[in-house]
């Protein structure tokens, strides 16, 4: 085979950052998409964390399988590890995903590490929206990350009720009045 696969369930779906020659809807069994990782780098800081997605145990996750050329594997893996493993909150695993064609392929996945200090677990949706609203890191605003992900999930006809609720909370927020002291 002259290709290898990467499973995207969040920003990798809409911003993989590497050349792909095929992309297909795919399903990963045994894990689900969850807004369960405090972001200290890309969408927040250690002092004001954002909140990003992780693959957490149980259920299944619909996303996208990205195929890249084996000749580019070393370069792509270096890129992905620099992006996804920056604080080691994820574990890199190769897991089987089912492509929309029915074929099962091994895919590189990034699964959240429950023992890591950045693992947030299941949060109240209002609290999650508050973290997303205030998060900003090296890759930009946490709000943009979440809304871009929700938009892409909608395009793929993937329903994620929790993310839809948080997106609704973010979109319906009223502008905050500016205080006279500028704060």
Protein backbone atom coordinates (compact mmCIF):
# COMPACT_ATOMS: atom_id res chain seq x y z
CA UNK A 1 0.00 0.00 0.00
CA UNK A 2 1.30 3.44 -0.83
CA UNK A 3 -0.88 5.32 1.67
CA UNK A 4 -1.53 5.60 5.38
CA UNK A 5 -4.57 6.97 7.21
CA UNK A 6 -5.14 9.59 9.91
CA UNK A 7 -8.51 9.87 11.69
CA UNK A 8 -9.84 13.41 12.15
CA UNK A 9 -12.68 14.21 14.53
CA UNK A 10 -12.07 17.92 15.29
CA UNK A 11 -9.82 20.50 13.67
CA UNK A 12 -8.02 17.84 11.62
CA UNK A 13 -11.26 17.57 9.62
CA UNK A 14 -11.17 21.21 8.50
CA UNK A 15 -7.48 22.04 8.95
CA UNK A 16 -5.32 18.93 8.59
CA UNK A 17 -2.14 20.91 7.91
CA UNK A 18 -0.71 18.26 5.60
CA UNK A 19 -1.29 17.06 2.05
CA UNK A 20 -3.89 14.35 1.63
CA UNK A 21 -4.85 12.58 -1.57
CA UNK A 22 -8.11 11.09 -0.30
CA UNK A 23 -10.58 11.85 2.45
CA UNK A 24 -13.58 9.75 3.36
CA UNK A 25 -16.22 9.81 6.06
CA UNK A 26 -15.23 7.24 8.69
CA UNK A 27 -16.32 5.80 12.01
CA UNK A 28 -14.13 4.87 14.97
CA UNK A 29 -15.63 2.38 17.43
CA UNK A 30 -14.83 2.41 21.15
CA UNK A 31 -14.29 6.19 21.46
CA UNK A 32 -16.44 9.29 21.21
CA UNK A 33 -15.78 12.95 20.45
CA UNK A 34 -15.73 14.95 23.68
CA UNK A 35 -14.90 18.54 24.63
CA UNK A 36 -12.75 17.21 27.47
CA UNK A 37 -9.25 18.68 27.16
CA UNK A 38 -8.06 21.90 28.78
CA UNK A 39 -5.99 23.66 26.12
CA UNK A 40 -2.82 25.28 27.44
CA UNK A 41 -1.19 26.00 24.07
CA UNK A 42 -3.33 26.08 20.90
CA UNK A 43 -6.63 27.51 22.22
CA UNK A 44 -5.73 28.74 25.70
CA UNK A 45 -2.92 29.08 28.20
CA UNK A 46 -2.02 27.42 31.48
CA UNK A 47 -3.34 30.52 33.29
CA UNK A 48 -6.52 30.80 31.19
CA UNK A 49 -7.21 27.45 29.56
CA UNK A 50 -9.44 26.90 26.60
CA UNK A 51 -11.29 23.66 25.94
CA UNK A 52 -10.69 21.37 22.96
CA UNK A 53 -11.82 18.00 21.72
CA UNK A 54 -10.44 14.62 22.59
CA UNK A 55 -11.36 11.07 21.78
CA UNK A 56 -12.68 9.68 25.07
CA UNK A 57 -13.56 6.09 25.93
CA UNK A 58 -16.86 4.55 24.94
CA UNK A 59 -19.33 4.73 22.09
CA UNK A 60 -18.24 5.67 18.61
CA UNK A 61 -17.07 8.73 16.71
CA UNK A 62 -17.96 9.78 13.21
CA UNK A 63 -15.30 11.84 11.50
CA UNK A 64 -13.06 11.76 8.48
CA UNK A 65 -10.23 9.46 7.44
CA UNK A 66 -7.42 11.29 5.68
CA UNK A 67 -5.15 9.31 3.37
CA UNK A 68 -1.62 10.52 2.75
CA UNK A 69 1.25 9.06 0.76
CA UNK A 70 3.65 6.72 2.56
CA UNK A 71 6.57 8.66 1.06
CA UNK A 72 5.41 11.66 3.16
CA UNK A 73 4.73 9.66 6.34
CA UNK A 74 7.83 10.68 8.30
CA UNK A 75 7.27 14.38 7.63
CA UNK A 76 3.53 14.17 8.37
CA UNK A 77 4.04 12.24 11.59
CA UNK A 78 6.59 14.81 12.76
CA UNK A 79 4.07 17.56 12.02
CA UNK A 80 1.19 15.73 13.76
CA UNK A 81 3.28 14.93 16.81
CA UNK A 82 4.35 18.55 17.10
CA UNK A 83 0.71 19.61 16.86
CA UNK A 84 -1.10 16.93 18.85
CA UNK A 85 1.50 15.81 21.39
CA UNK A 86 2.79 19.24 22.44
CA UNK A 87 1.73 18.67 26.09
CA UNK A 88 1.27 14.88 25.90
CA UNK A 89 -2.44 15.05 26.79
CA UNK A 90 -3.11 12.70 23.87
CA UNK A 91 -1.78 9.22 23.19
CA UNK A 92 -1.00 8.34 19.57
CA UNK A 93 -2.63 5.03 18.67
CA UNK A 94 -3.25 3.15 15.46
CA UNK A 95 -6.86 1.98 15.55
CA UNK A 96 -9.19 0.47 12.95
CA UNK A 97 -11.68 2.87 11.38
CA UNK A 98 -14.52 1.94 9.05
CA UNK A 99 -14.59 4.01 5.88
CA UNK A 100 -17.91 4.98 4.31
CA UNK A 101 -17.05 2.44 1.57
CA UNK A 102 -17.28 -0.34 4.19
CA UNK A 103 -13.54 -0.98 4.22
CA UNK A 104 -11.69 -1.12 7.56
CA UNK A 105 -8.29 0.57 7.63
CA UNK A 106 -5.75 1.22 10.38
CA UNK A 107 -5.58 4.94 11.18
CA UNK A 108 -3.41 7.10 13.37
CA UNK A 109 -5.60 8.54 16.11
CA UNK A 110 -5.05 10.84 19.07
CA UNK A 111 -6.86 9.60 22.19
CA UNK A 112 -7.07 11.61 25.42
CA UNK A 113 -5.01 10.41 28.40
CA UNK A 114 -7.26 10.31 31.47
CA UNK A 115 -4.25 10.53 33.80
CA UNK A 116 -3.05 13.83 32.31
CA UNK A 117 -3.66 17.06 34.25
CA UNK A 118 -5.30 18.62 31.18
CA UNK A 119 -8.03 15.98 31.04
CA UNK A 120 -11.21 17.86 31.98
CA UNK A 121 -13.66 14.97 31.86
CA UNK A 122 -17.34 15.67 31.31
CA UNK A 123 -18.12 19.31 32.08
CA UNK A 124 -21.40 21.14 32.48
CA UNK A 125 -22.24 22.69 29.07
CA UNK A 126 -22.49 26.24 30.48
CA UNK A 127 -19.05 25.90 32.08
CA UNK A 128 -17.65 24.43 28.84
CA UNK A 129 -19.06 27.41 26.89
CA UNK A 130 -17.46 29.79 29.41
CA UNK A 131 -14.04 28.18 28.90
CA UNK A 132 -14.42 28.23 25.11
CA UNK A 133 -15.58 31.86 25.18
CA UNK A 134 -12.49 32.97 27.11
CA UNK A 135 -9.85 30.74 25.54
CA UNK A 136 -7.21 32.10 23.18
CA UNK A 137 -3.87 30.49 22.37
CA UNK A 138 -1.17 30.16 19.73
CA UNK A 139 -3.65 28.87 17.13
CA UNK A 140 -6.25 31.54 17.83
CA UNK A 141 -9.59 31.93 19.55
CA UNK A 142 -11.15 28.86 21.13
CA UNK A 143 -14.57 30.13 20.00
CA UNK A 144 -13.46 29.99 16.34
CA UNK A 145 -12.15 26.44 16.80
CA UNK A 146 -15.45 25.23 18.20
CA UNK A 147 -17.66 27.02 15.66
CA UNK A 148 -15.50 25.85 12.72
CA UNK A 149 -15.71 22.28 13.99
CA UNK A 150 -19.50 22.46 14.39
CA UNK A 151 -19.87 23.95 10.90
CA UNK A 152 -17.79 21.14 9.43
CA UNK A 153 -19.76 18.49 11.33
CA UNK A 154 -22.97 19.97 9.93
CA UNK A 155 -21.54 19.87 6.38
CA UNK A 156 -20.80 16.19 6.92
CA UNK A 157 -24.31 15.66 8.36
CA UNK A 158 -22.85 14.59 11.72
CA UNK A 159 -24.98 15.60 14.70
CA UNK A 160 -23.17 16.31 17.97
CA UNK A 161 -25.81 17.59 20.40
CA UNK A 162 -23.36 18.80 23.06
CA UNK A 163 -21.26 20.81 20.58
CA UNK A 164 -24.43 22.21 18.98
CA UNK A 165 -25.63 23.39 22.40
CA UNK A 166 -22.32 25.07 23.18
CA UNK A 167 -22.22 26.68 19.72
CA UNK A 168 -25.72 28.02 20.35
CA UNK A 169 -24.63 29.48 23.68
CA UNK A 170 -21.67 31.17 21.98
CA UNK A 171 -23.67 32.53 19.05
CA UNK A 172 -26.48 33.88 21.21
CA UNK A 173 -24.29 35.78 23.65
CA UNK A 174 -25.10 39.42 24.11
CA UNK A 175 -22.32 41.99 23.81
CA UNK A 176 -21.03 42.84 27.25
CA UNK A 177 -21.33 46.50 28.24
CA UNK A 178 -18.02 48.32 28.44
CA UNK A 179 -17.38 49.71 31.89
CA UNK A 180 -16.29 53.32 32.29
CA UNK A 181 -12.90 52.19 33.59
CA UNK A 182 -12.35 50.31 30.29
CA UNK A 183 -12.60 46.81 31.76
